[in-house]
C-alpha atoms as a PDB file:
ATOM      1  CA  MET A   1      14.557 -10.809 -52.029  1.00  0.00           C
ATOM      2  CA  THR A   2      12.414 -10.380 -48.951  1.00  0.00           C
ATOM      3  CA  GLN A   3       8.651 -10.469 -48.515  1.00  0.00           C
ATOM      4  CA  LEU A   4       7.422  -7.928 -45.982  1.00  0.00           C
ATOM      5  CA  PRO A   5       4.880  -9.041 -43.363  1.00  0.00           C
ATOM      6  CA  ASP A   6       1.206  -8.638 -44.219  1.00  0.00           C
ATOM      7  CA  ARG A   7      -0.268  -5.401 -42.810  1.00  0.00           C
ATOM      8  CA  GLY A   8      -3.829  -6.516 -43.456  1.00  0.00           C
ATOM      9  CA  ASP A   9      -4.254  -4.285 -46.506  1.00  0.00           C
ATOM     10  CA  GLY A  10      -4.094  -7.100 -49.065  1.00  0.00           C
ATOM     11  CA  ALA A  11      -0.714  -5.949 -50.399  1.00  0.00           C
ATOM     12  CA  LEU A  12       2.068  -8.369 -51.180  1.00  0.00           C
ATOM     13  CA  VAL A  13       5.335  -6.431 -50.858  1.00  0.00           C
ATOM     14  CA  LEU A  14       8.560  -7.855 -52.236  1.00  0.00           C
ATOM     15  CA  VAL A  15      11.823  -6.033 -51.528  1.00  0.00           C
ATOM     16  CA  LEU A  16      14.546  -6.780 -54.054  1.00  0.00           C
ATOM     17  CA  ALA A  17      18.204  -6.205 -53.237  1.00  0.00           C
ATOM     18  CA  GLY A  18      21.426  -7.042 -55.010  1.00  0.00           C
ATOM     19  CA  GLU A  19      21.865  -8.181 -58.592  1.00  0.00           C
ATOM     20  CA  PHE A  20      19.090  -9.433 -60.867  1.00  0.00           C
ATOM     21  CA  ASP A  21      19.927 -11.122 -64.145  1.00  0.00           C
ATOM     22  CA  SER A  22      19.062 -14.363 -65.904  1.00  0.00           C
ATOM     23  CA  GLY A  23      20.994 -16.385 -63.311  1.00  0.00           C
ATOM     24  CA  THR A  24      19.315 -14.885 -60.251  1.00  0.00           C
ATOM     25  CA  MET A  25      15.677 -14.490 -61.268  1.00  0.00           C
ATOM     26  CA  SER A  26      14.217 -17.827 -60.179  1.00  0.00           C
ATOM     27  CA  SER A  27      13.151 -16.796 -56.656  1.00  0.00           C
ATOM     28  CA  PHE A  28      11.606 -13.557 -57.935  1.00  0.00           C
ATOM     29  CA  ARG A  29       9.789 -15.442 -60.710  1.00  0.00           C
ATOM     30  CA  ARG A  30       8.402 -17.915 -58.127  1.00  0.00           C
ATOM     31  CA  ALA A  31       7.303 -15.100 -55.809  1.00  0.00           C
ATOM     32  CA  LEU A  32       5.400 -13.420 -58.637  1.00  0.00           C
ATOM     33  CA  GLY A  33       3.706 -16.725 -59.434  1.00  0.00           C
ATOM     34  CA  ASP A  34       2.797 -17.130 -55.777  1.00  0.00           C
ATOM     35  CA  ALA A  35       1.286 -13.623 -55.773  1.00  0.00           C
ATOM     36  CA  ARG A  36      -0.936 -14.591 -58.674  1.00  0.00           C
ATOM     37  CA  VAL A  37      -2.057 -17.817 -56.974  1.00  0.00           C
ATOM     38  CA  ALA A  38      -2.635 -16.050 -53.633  1.00  0.00           C
ATOM     39  CA  ARG A  39      -4.766 -13.434 -55.407  1.00  0.00           C
ATOM     40  CA  ALA A  40      -3.124 -10.502 -53.642  1.00  0.00           C
ATOM     41  CA  THR A  41      -5.216  -7.362 -54.134  1.00  0.00           C
ATOM     42  CA  ARG A  42      -2.056  -5.402 -54.875  1.00  0.00           C
ATOM     43  CA  THR A  43       1.568  -6.306 -55.518  1.00  0.00           C
ATOM     44  CA  ILE A  44       4.385  -3.891 -54.709  1.00  0.00           C
ATOM     45  CA  ILE A  45       7.961  -4.471 -55.816  1.00  0.00           C
ATOM     46  CA  ASP A  46      10.571  -2.348 -54.023  1.00  0.00           C
ATOM     47  CA  LEU A  47      13.595  -1.896 -56.293  1.00  0.00           C
ATOM     48  CA  SER A  48      15.485   0.564 -54.084  1.00  0.00           C
ATOM     49  CA  GLY A  49      18.138  -2.019 -53.151  1.00  0.00           C
ATOM     50  CA  VAL A  50      18.855  -3.318 -56.652  1.00  0.00           C
ATOM     51  CA  VAL A  51      22.477  -2.635 -57.628  1.00  0.00           C
ATOM     52  CA  TYR A  52      22.377  -4.345 -61.032  1.00  0.00           C
ATOM     53  CA  ALA A  53      19.564  -5.441 -63.317  1.00  0.00           C
ATOM     54  CA  ASP A  54      19.265  -6.526 -66.919  1.00  0.00           C
ATOM     55  CA  SER A  55      16.433  -7.093 -69.357  1.00  0.00           C
ATOM     56  CA  CYS A  56      15.314 -10.244 -67.517  1.00  0.00           C
ATOM     57  CA  LEU A  57      14.116  -8.140 -64.592  1.00  0.00           C
ATOM     58  CA  ILE A  58      12.399  -5.676 -66.923  1.00  0.00           C
ATOM     59  CA  ARG A  59      10.612  -8.499 -68.727  1.00  0.00           C
ATOM     60  CA  LEU A  60       9.313  -9.996 -65.459  1.00  0.00           C
ATOM     61  CA  LEU A  61       8.151  -6.589 -64.210  1.00  0.00           C
ATOM     62  CA  VAL A  62       6.197  -5.902 -67.405  1.00  0.00           C
ATOM     63  CA  GLN A  63       4.690  -9.409 -67.393  1.00  0.00           C
ATOM     64  CA  ALA A  64       3.651  -8.962 -63.755  1.00  0.00           C
ATOM     65  CA  HIS A  65       2.144  -5.571 -64.610  1.00  0.00           C
ATOM     66  CA  HIS A  66      -0.135  -7.302 -67.111  1.00  0.00           C
ATOM     67  CA  ARG A  67      -0.996 -10.290 -64.887  1.00  0.00           C
ATOM     68  CA  LEU A  68      -1.318  -8.926 -61.351  1.00  0.00           C
ATOM     69  CA  PRO A  69      -3.883  -6.414 -60.073  1.00  0.00           C
ATOM     70  CA  ARG A  70      -2.644  -3.009 -58.938  1.00  0.00           C
ATOM     71  CA  PHE A  71       0.995  -3.871 -59.671  1.00  0.00           C
ATOM     72  CA  THR A  72       3.354  -1.113 -58.532  1.00  0.00           C
ATOM     73  CA  VAL A  73       7.111  -0.590 -58.566  1.00  0.00           C
ATOM     74  CA  ALA A  74       8.435   1.339 -55.565  1.00  0.00           C
ATOM     75  CA  GLY A  75      11.643   3.303 -55.232  1.00  0.00           C
ATOM     76  CA  PRO A  76      13.579   5.308 -54.715  1.00  0.00           C
ATOM     77  CA  LEU A  77      15.000   3.808 -57.880  1.00  0.00           C
ATOM     78  CA  PRO A  78      18.777   3.539 -58.132  1.00  0.00           C
ATOM     79  CA  PRO A  79      20.088   5.537 -61.135  1.00  0.00           C
ATOM     80  CA  GLN A  80      21.071   2.412 -63.103  1.00  0.00           C
ATOM     81  CA  VAL A  81      17.638   0.857 -62.639  1.00  0.00           C
ATOM     82  CA  ARG A  82      15.828   4.097 -63.517  1.00  0.00           C
ATOM     83  CA  ARG A  83      17.902   4.425 -66.695  1.00  0.00           C
ATOM     84  CA  LEU A  84      17.202   0.802 -67.664  1.00  0.00           C
ATOM     85  CA  LEU A  85      13.448   1.308 -67.172  1.00  0.00           C
ATOM     86  CA  GLU A  86      13.519   4.516 -69.210  1.00  0.00           C
ATOM     87  CA  LEU A  87      15.636   3.145 -72.067  1.00  0.00           C
ATOM     88  CA  SER A  88      13.544  -0.006 -72.350  1.00  0.00           C
ATOM     89  CA  GLY A  89      10.264   1.931 -72.371  1.00  0.00           C
ATOM     90  CA  ALA A  90       9.091   0.082 -69.252  1.00  0.00           C
ATOM     91  CA  ALA A  91       8.946   3.331 -67.262  1.00  0.00           C
ATOM     92  CA  ALA A  92       6.055   4.435 -69.480  1.00  0.00           C
ATOM     93  CA  ILE A  93       4.185   1.169 -68.826  1.00  0.00           C
ATOM     94  CA  LEU A  94       4.769   0.520 -65.130  1.00  0.00           C
ATOM     95  CA  ARG A  95       3.231   2.390 -62.213  1.00  0.00           C
ATOM     96  CA  ILE A  96       6.265   3.716 -60.321  1.00  0.00           C
ATOM     97  CA  THR A  97       6.043   5.412 -56.927  1.00  0.00           C
ATOM     98  CA  PRO A  98       8.729   7.090 -54.804  1.00  0.00           C
ATOM     99  CA  ASP A  99       8.536   4.503 -52.002  1.00  0.00           C
ATOM    100  CA  ILE A 100       6.530   1.620 -50.521  1.00  0.00           C
ATOM    101  CA  GLU A 101       4.181   3.850 -48.531  1.00  0.00           C
ATOM    102  CA  ALA A 102       3.256   5.821 -51.662  1.00  0.00           C
ATOM    103  CA  ALA A 103       2.673   2.506 -53.439  1.00  0.00           C
ATOM    104  CA  ARG A 104       0.311   1.394 -50.679  1.00  0.00           C
ATOM    105  CA  ARG A 105      -1.688   4.614 -51.156  1.00  0.00           C
ATOM    106  CA  ALA A 106      -1.716   4.403 -54.976  1.00  0.00           C
END
């Protein structure tokens, strides 16, 4: 996971890459907590580099959606991640944009 530099627009952008399951969620969980404490005006999570995810990632995304202002998931979403979001019902809850720039405009 990487945090992109601040562009002065109040957005906290986290880029996730690799595998995300119960054993690898701690840094993402901490970053979401930091976003809440920092009072970012918008939080964008780029999932385009995620190669594997399970329900732990979905749960954290939905929780963040409810706790953080203007929470957005950015793609392009890998097919496995898109399917997981659709099957879980999270796709109907989360704001999902095609990419980070679209998320910044949303």
